[in-house]
Amino acid sequence: MASAAWRLLRWPLAPGGAALAAVTAPWGRRQEAACEGCHGGLAAYDLGATLGRGAFATVRLATRRETGEAFALKLVSKARTPQDLHQNEVQVLRAAGSHRHIAKLVDHFESERAWAVVLEFAAGGEVFEHICEQGAYSERTAATVVRQVAEALRHLHARGIVHRDLKPENLLLSSREGPANVLLCDFGLARFVGLGVDPPTCRAGTPGYMAPEVLTAGPVGPQVDVWSLGVIMFILLSGYHPFNPDGSLDEASVERKIVSGQWDFNSEIWGCVSNEARELIKQMLHPDPACRMKISKLLESPWVTGDQAAAGGPASDLHDVRRGRLRRDRGGRSTSSAS
């Protein structure tokens, strides 16, 4: 995996206000300072295959001509995206700094039609596609994914950053071969929270992974990421979505089930999953954010550390049935009603 050629600044660990203050200098000065390590804008890269495409952005494989290094180049449409949203993503990535489970910011610049963000390239693709192709994970492998994502979230939350759009599509694998690191990506909806910053109350994220407090316009904090990780853990171990098991429901129906807490372990797949794993999911999907498991406690769990996670997983004939349903139910597209 290509290393990031980015001279990272040292950001304070104080939540919210301190991290936000470090990146809220006038945009022109921020851009100039951030681009001390830039390499000539778009002309410095050869563009390759399209890695992903959304409503407002396209991600291309980009090779730096000078060094041959591969990166992921995110091109955000200026016509469809307010500049402040792009600026926020860059601010968040700069504040996040360097972490082995976060796709690092390498460069950013603008072209005539797009804002460009150059990121660390993850050659293994999305965790989502791996589930769709291979089926449910073993408990031990799922525990590794959950632990690595939780470590990334602990790092972000300590810096006053809430991701707000955690889902399998935003988890990348560093390699297609051997043990691969998970990299958290796509900070387009991330926000600063904490001291000196009003908590966002808008609806933002991907409907199938939104916490109840997001759907009911309550104050949003780090616990929304724990909820989303709980949904991901459920999917990793079963191959289907807890609030849309057969993939047939529309977004409104899924949202009603999330708000009312309608989900269960009734599928026979869960007979192959340990009580420890199921108990963790229950605590991560607690409807009250104040009672929901904290990231620090999750990382202390013997299941997450691998001491209790079983090596086996659901029988192949069970998860083969489910994974087609998951492909049809991607949980919806990322949305945001406001900042």
Protein backbone atom coordinates (compact mmCIF):
# COMPACT_ATOMS: atom_id res chain seq x y z
CA MET A 1 0.00 0.00 0.00
CA ALA A 2 1.31 3.42 -0.91
CA SER A 3 2.51 5.57 1.94
CA ALA A 4 1.15 9.09 2.32
CA ALA A 5 3.54 11.86 1.26
CA TRP A 6 1.96 14.38 3.60
CA ARG A 7 3.69 16.52 6.20
CA LEU A 8 1.13 16.13 9.00
CA LEU A 9 0.62 18.81 11.59
CA ARG A 10 0.34 17.95 15.26
CA TRP A 11 -3.27 18.44 16.33
CA PRO A 12 -4.40 18.80 19.97
CA LEU A 13 -6.17 15.89 21.60
CA ALA A 14 -8.73 18.11 23.33
CA PRO A 15 -12.22 17.42 21.92
CA GLY A 16 -14.26 19.71 19.75
CA GLY A 17 -13.26 23.30 20.25
CA ALA A 18 -9.49 22.79 20.40
CA ALA A 19 -9.33 20.62 17.30
CA LEU A 20 -11.75 22.88 15.46
CA ALA A 21 -9.78 26.02 16.36
CA ALA A 22 -6.68 24.46 14.84
CA VAL A 23 -8.29 24.21 11.41
CA THR A 24 -10.55 27.24 11.19
CA ALA A 25 -8.03 29.78 9.91
CA PRO A 26 -9.20 31.59 6.76
CA TRP A 27 -9.53 29.04 3.95
CA GLY A 28 -6.87 30.62 1.74
CA ARG A 29 -4.22 30.37 4.49
CA ARG A 30 -5.33 26.83 5.36
CA GLN A 31 -5.06 25.77 1.73
CA GLU A 32 -1.64 27.36 1.32
CA ALA A 33 -0.33 25.74 4.52
CA ALA A 34 -1.88 22.40 3.72
CA CYS A 35 -0.37 22.31 0.26
CA GLU A 36 3.24 22.78 1.26
CA GLY A 37 3.64 19.13 0.25
CA CYS A 38 1.42 19.35 -2.85
CA HIS A 39 2.78 18.11 -6.15
CA GLY A 40 1.44 20.25 -8.97
CA GLY A 41 -2.29 19.61 -8.85
CA LEU A 42 -4.09 17.33 -11.27
CA ALA A 43 -1.28 17.50 -13.82
CA ALA A 44 0.97 15.65 -11.37
CA TYR A 45 -1.14 12.48 -11.62
CA ASP A 46 -2.05 9.92 -14.27
CA LEU A 47 -5.68 8.92 -13.80
CA GLY A 48 -6.65 5.26 -13.94
CA ALA A 49 -9.72 3.17 -13.22
CA THR A 50 -12.80 4.50 -11.46
CA LEU A 51 -12.79 3.07 -7.92
CA GLY A 52 -16.16 4.41 -6.88
CA ARG A 53 -18.90 6.80 -7.91
CA GLY A 54 -21.53 8.67 -5.90
CA ALA A 55 -24.09 11.41 -6.44
CA PHE A 56 -21.55 14.20 -5.92
CA ALA A 57 -18.11 12.66 -6.32
CA THR A 58 -16.06 10.15 -8.27
CA VAL A 59 -13.01 8.32 -6.93
CA ARG A 60 -10.25 7.46 -9.42
CA LEU A 61 -7.02 5.55 -9.13
CA ALA A 62 -4.26 8.14 -9.52
CA THR A 63 -0.56 7.48 -10.04
CA ARG A 64 1.89 10.23 -9.20
CA ARG A 65 4.02 10.70 -12.29
CA GLU A 66 7.14 11.67 -10.40
CA THR A 67 7.27 8.62 -8.10
CA GLY A 68 4.87 6.00 -9.49
CA GLU A 69 2.98 5.89 -6.18
CA ALA A 70 -0.71 4.96 -6.33
CA PHE A 71 -3.37 7.01 -4.55
CA ALA A 72 -7.15 7.39 -4.49
CA LEU A 73 -8.22 10.69 -6.05
CA LYS A 74 -11.65 11.92 -4.97
CA LEU A 75 -13.12 14.45 -7.41
CA VAL A 76 -16.00 16.40 -5.85
CA SER A 77 -18.30 18.15 -8.31
CA LYS A 78 -18.31 21.92 -7.80
CA ALA A 79 -21.70 22.15 -9.52
CA ARG A 80 -23.34 19.76 -7.04
CA THR A 81 -21.45 20.41 -3.81
CA PRO A 82 -21.24 23.60 -1.74
CA GLN A 83 -17.64 24.65 -1.16
CA ASP A 84 -18.07 24.62 2.62
CA LEU A 85 -18.80 20.87 2.56
CA HIS A 86 -15.56 20.19 0.72
CA GLN A 87 -13.68 22.51 3.07
CA ASN A 88 -15.15 20.68 6.06
CA GLU A 89 -13.95 17.31 4.78
CA VAL A 90 -10.41 18.61 4.34
CA GLN A 91 -10.47 20.25 7.78
CA VAL A 92 -11.62 17.01 9.38
CA LEU A 93 -8.98 14.93 7.58
CA ARG A 94 -6.25 17.35 8.63
CA ALA A 95 -7.45 17.29 12.23
CA ALA A 96 -7.62 13.48 12.17
CA GLY A 97 -3.94 13.37 11.26
CA SER A 98 -2.20 10.03 10.84
CA HIS A 99 -3.66 6.73 12.02
CA ARG A 100 -3.07 3.24 10.65
CA HIS A 101 -6.83 2.60 10.29
CA ILE A 102 -7.79 5.89 8.62
CA ALA A 103 -7.20 6.63 4.94
CA LYS A 104 -4.70 9.48 5.15
CA LEU A 105 -4.97 12.82 3.41
CA VAL A 106 -2.09 13.20 0.95
CA ASP A 107 -2.94 16.31 -1.05
CA HIS A 108 -5.83 18.57 -2.02
CA PHE A 109 -6.36 21.14 -4.76
CA GLU A 110 -9.01 22.26 -7.21
CA SER A 111 -9.57 22.02 -10.95
CA GLU A 112 -12.01 23.92 -13.12
CA ARG A 113 -14.96 21.62 -12.36
CA ALA A 114 -14.02 19.77 -9.18
CA TRP A 115 -12.37 19.92 -5.81
CA ALA A 116 -9.80 17.17 -5.53
CA VAL A 117 -8.77 15.23 -2.44
CA VAL A 118 -5.87 12.78 -2.76
CA LEU A 119 -5.97 9.93 -0.24
CA GLU A 120 -4.03 6.83 0.70
CA PHE A 121 -4.95 4.00 -1.68
CA ALA A 122 -6.39 0.76 -0.31
CA ALA A 123 -5.89 -2.03 -2.84
CA GLY A 124 -8.24 -4.53 -1.16
CA GLY A 125 -11.50 -2.75 -1.97
CA GLU A 126 -14.57 -2.38 0.21
CA VAL A 127 -15.47 -4.60 3.15
CA PHE A 128 -19.02 -4.46 1.76
CA GLU A 129 -18.05 -6.12 -1.50
CA HIS A 130 -16.06 -8.75 0.37
CA ILE A 131 -19.17 -9.67 2.37
CA CYS A 132 -21.29 -9.82 -0.78
CA GLU A 133 -18.74 -12.04 -2.54
CA GLN A 134 -17.57 -14.23 0.34
CA GLY A 135 -20.47 -14.21 2.80
CA ALA A 136 -20.42 -13.72 6.55
CA TYR A 137 -17.11 -13.48 8.41
CA SER A 138 -15.86 -15.86 11.08
CA GLU A 139 -16.08 -14.40 14.57
CA ARG A 140 -12.31 -14.05 14.78
CA THR A 141 -12.11 -12.15 11.50
CA ALA A 142 -15.14 -10.02 12.38
CA ALA A 143 -13.54 -9.20 15.74
CA THR A 144 -10.43 -7.97 13.94
CA VAL A 145 -12.50 -5.67 11.71
CA VAL A 146 -14.52 -4.34 14.66
CA ARG A 147 -11.38 -3.75 16.71
CA GLN A 148 -9.61 -1.85 13.95
CA VAL A 149 -12.64 0.34 13.22
CA ALA A 150 -13.10 0.96 16.96
CA GLU A 151 -9.44 2.04 17.22
CA ALA A 152 -10.01 4.52 14.39
CA LEU A 153 -13.15 5.83 16.11
CA ARG A 154 -11.35 6.21 19.45
CA HIS A 155 -8.71 8.28 17.65
CA LEU A 156 -11.33 10.46 15.94
CA HIS A 157 -13.52 10.92 19.01
CA ALA A 158 -10.51 12.00 21.06
CA ARG A 159 -10.07 14.77 18.51
CA GLY A 160 -13.70 15.82 18.67
CA ILE A 161 -14.64 14.24 15.33
CA VAL A 162 -17.78 12.19 14.66
CA HIS A 163 -17.78 10.31 11.35
CA ARG A 164 -21.61 10.07 10.96
CA ASP A 165 -21.52 7.78 7.90
CA LEU A 166 -19.99 4.54 9.10
CA LYS A 167 -20.98 1.59 6.88
CA PRO A 168 -19.26 -1.38 5.17
CA GLU A 169 -18.84 0.63 1.95
CA ASN A 170 -16.71 3.15 3.86
CA LEU A 171 -14.38 0.50 5.23
CA LEU A 172 -11.52 -0.39 2.88
CA LEU A 173 -9.02 -3.24 2.99
CA SER A 174 -5.36 -2.37 2.55
CA SER A 175 -4.64 -5.50 0.52
CA ARG A 176 -6.38 -8.35 -1.28
CA GLU A 177 -3.91 -10.89 0.05
CA GLY A 178 -3.09 -12.06 3.57
CA PRO A 179 -4.09 -10.20 6.73
CA ALA A 180 -5.21 -6.74 5.65
CA ASN A 181 -5.69 -3.59 7.67
CA VAL A 182 -9.07 -1.89 7.60
CA LEU A 183 -9.03 1.80 6.63
CA LEU A 184 -11.92 4.12 7.46
CA CYS A 185 -12.68 6.53 4.60
CA ASP A 186 -15.18 9.13 3.32
CA PHE A 187 -15.32 12.00 5.80
CA GLY A 188 -17.75 14.07 3.75
CA LEU A 189 -20.39 14.05 6.51
CA ALA A 190 -18.02 14.09 9.49
CA ARG A 191 -18.38 16.93 11.99
CA PHE A 192 -16.61 18.37 15.00
CA VAL A 193 -18.36 18.01 18.35
CA GLY A 194 -17.47 18.76 21.95
CA LEU A 195 -16.32 21.79 23.88
CA GLY A 196 -17.31 25.05 22.19
CA VAL A 197 -19.16 23.34 19.34
CA ASP A 198 -22.93 22.95 19.22
CA PRO A 199 -23.85 19.29 18.60
CA PRO A 200 -25.34 18.76 15.15
CA THR A 201 -29.03 17.90 15.19
CA CYS A 202 -29.57 17.43 11.47
CA ARG A 203 -30.31 14.19 9.72
CA ALA A 204 -27.10 12.97 8.09
CA GLY A 205 -25.68 9.60 7.16
CA THR A 206 -26.96 6.52 5.37
CA PRO A 207 -30.51 5.61 6.50
CA GLY A 208 -29.86 1.94 7.26
CA TYR A 209 -26.96 2.85 9.56
CA MET A 210 -28.39 5.95 11.27
CA ALA A 211 -28.84 5.81 15.04
CA PRO A 212 -32.34 6.49 16.42
CA GLU A 213 -31.31 9.93 17.72
CA VAL A 214 -30.28 10.93 14.19
CA LEU A 215 -33.64 9.92 12.75
CA THR A 216 -35.53 11.77 15.51
CA ALA A 217 -33.41 14.95 15.16
CA GLY A 218 -31.82 14.61 18.58
CA PRO A 219 -28.34 15.91 19.44
CA VAL A 220 -25.63 13.89 17.73
CA GLY A 221 -22.44 12.78 19.43
CA PRO A 222 -19.82 10.02 19.22
CA GLN A 223 -22.37 7.37 20.17
CA VAL A 224 -23.93 7.51 16.69
CA ASP A 225 -20.72 5.92 15.38
CA VAL A 226 -21.01 3.13 17.97
CA TRP A 227 -24.53 2.39 16.74
CA SER A 228 -23.36 2.20 13.13
CA LEU A 229 -20.51 -0.10 14.12
CA GLY A 230 -23.07 -2.32 15.88
CA VAL A 231 -25.04 -2.61 12.62
CA ILE A 232 -21.82 -3.43 10.78
CA MET A 233 -20.88 -6.11 13.34
CA PHE A 234 -24.33 -7.67 12.92
CA ILE A 235 -23.83 -7.77 9.13
CA LEU A 236 -20.30 -9.15 9.38
CA LEU A 237 -21.50 -12.10 11.44
CA SER A 238 -24.75 -12.83 9.58
CA GLY A 239 -24.45 -11.47 6.05
CA TYR A 240 -27.74 -9.56 6.30
CA HIS A 241 -29.01 -6.24 7.68
CA PRO A 242 -30.64 -6.29 11.16
CA PHE A 243 -33.43 -3.90 10.15
CA ASN A 244 -34.02 -5.33 6.67
CA PRO A 245 -33.29 -9.07 6.82
CA ASP A 246 -34.64 -10.00 3.39
CA GLY A 247 -33.75 -6.74 1.64
CA SER A 248 -37.37 -5.99 0.70
CA LEU A 249 -38.13 -2.90 2.81
CA ASP A 250 -38.02 0.70 1.65
CA GLU A 251 -36.04 3.33 3.57
CA ALA A 252 -39.06 4.66 5.47
CA SER A 253 -39.88 1.17 6.79
CA VAL A 254 -36.27 0.56 7.81
CA GLU A 255 -36.19 3.88 9.65
CA ARG A 256 -39.37 3.04 11.56
CA LYS A 257 -37.84 -0.26 12.65
CA ILE A 258 -34.67 1.52 13.81
CA VAL A 259 -36.59 4.07 15.88
CA SER A 260 -38.81 1.39 17.44
CA GLY A 261 -35.92 -1.03 17.99
CA GLN A 262 -37.36 -3.88 15.90
CA TRP A 263 -34.55 -6.35 15.29
CA ASP A 264 -33.67 -9.82 16.59
CA PHE A 265 -31.37 -12.85 16.45
CA ASN A 266 -34.12 -15.22 15.27
CA SER A 267 -32.36 -16.43 12.13
CA GLU A 268 -30.78 -19.86 12.44
CA ILE A 269 -27.46 -18.26 11.48
CA TRP A 270 -27.20 -16.86 15.01
CA GLY A 271 -27.16 -20.35 16.46
CA CYS A 272 -23.56 -20.49 15.18
CA VAL A 273 -22.57 -17.19 16.86
CA SER A 274 -21.34 -16.91 20.44
CA ASN A 275 -23.33 -15.36 23.28
CA GLU A 276 -20.47 -12.89 23.80
CA ALA A 277 -20.81 -11.53 20.27
CA ARG A 278 -24.58 -11.23 20.51
CA GLU A 279 -24.34 -9.42 23.86
CA LEU A 280 -21.93 -6.88 22.39
CA ILE A 281 -24.33 -6.17 19.52
CA LYS A 282 -27.18 -5.65 22.00
CA GLN A 283 -25.15 -3.09 23.91
CA MET A 284 -24.01 -1.30 20.75
CA LEU A 285 -27.59 -1.12 19.42
CA HIS A 286 -29.07 0.24 22.64
CA PRO A 287 -31.66 2.88 21.61
CA ASP A 288 -30.52 5.30 24.34
CA PRO A 289 -27.11 6.80 23.45
CA ALA A 290 -26.39 7.37 27.14
CA CYS A 291 -26.72 3.63 27.77
CA ARG A 292 -25.03 2.52 24.57
CA MET A 293 -21.62 0.89 24.89
CA LYS A 294 -18.71 3.32 24.78
CA ILE A 295 -15.82 2.83 22.36
CA SER A 296 -13.37 2.47 25.26
CA LYS A 297 -15.43 -0.37 26.76
CA LEU A 298 -15.80 -2.05 23.39
CA LEU A 299 -12.03 -2.12 22.95
CA GLU A 300 -11.67 -3.73 26.38
CA SER A 301 -14.07 -6.55 25.48
CA PRO A 302 -12.44 -10.02 25.40
CA TRP A 303 -14.43 -10.76 22.24
CA VAL A 304 -13.00 -7.73 20.43
CA THR A 305 -9.45 -8.46 21.61
CA GLY A 306 -9.84 -11.96 20.19
CA ASP A 307 -9.76 -13.89 23.47
CA GLN A 308 -13.39 -15.04 23.12
CA ALA A 309 -13.96 -14.78 19.38
CA ALA A 310 -14.46 -18.18 17.78
CA ALA A 311 -12.58 -19.14 14.64
CA GLY A 312 -15.67 -20.55 12.91
CA GLY A 313 -18.66 -18.85 11.34
CA PRO A 314 -22.10 -19.54 9.84
CA ALA A 315 -22.45 -22.54 7.57
CA SER A 316 -21.93 -21.61 3.91
CA ASP A 317 -25.40 -22.73 2.84
CA LEU A 318 -26.90 -20.25 5.30
CA HIS A 319 -24.89 -17.16 4.45
CA ASP A 320 -25.06 -17.85 0.70
CA VAL A 321 -28.82 -17.23 0.94
CA ARG A 322 -28.36 -13.97 2.82
CA ARG A 323 -25.57 -12.27 0.90
CA GLY A 324 -27.69 -11.71 -2.23
CA ARG A 325 -30.24 -9.91 -0.08
CA LEU A 326 -27.54 -7.71 1.40
CA ARG A 327 -26.40 -6.69 -2.09
CA ARG A 328 -29.90 -5.44 -2.86
CA ASP A 329 -30.06 -3.58 0.44
CA ARG A 330 -27.02 -1.34 0.56
CA GLY A 331 -28.67 0.65 3.36
CA GLY A 332 -29.43 3.59 1.09
CA ARG A 333 -27.28 6.51 -0.03
CA SER A 334 -25.54 8.96 2.25
CA THR A 335 -27.68 12.03 2.85
CA SER A 336 -27.50 15.24 4.83
CA SER A 337 -30.30 17.72 5.46
CA ALA A 338 -27.94 20.38 6.83
CA SER A 339 -24.48 20.76 8.28
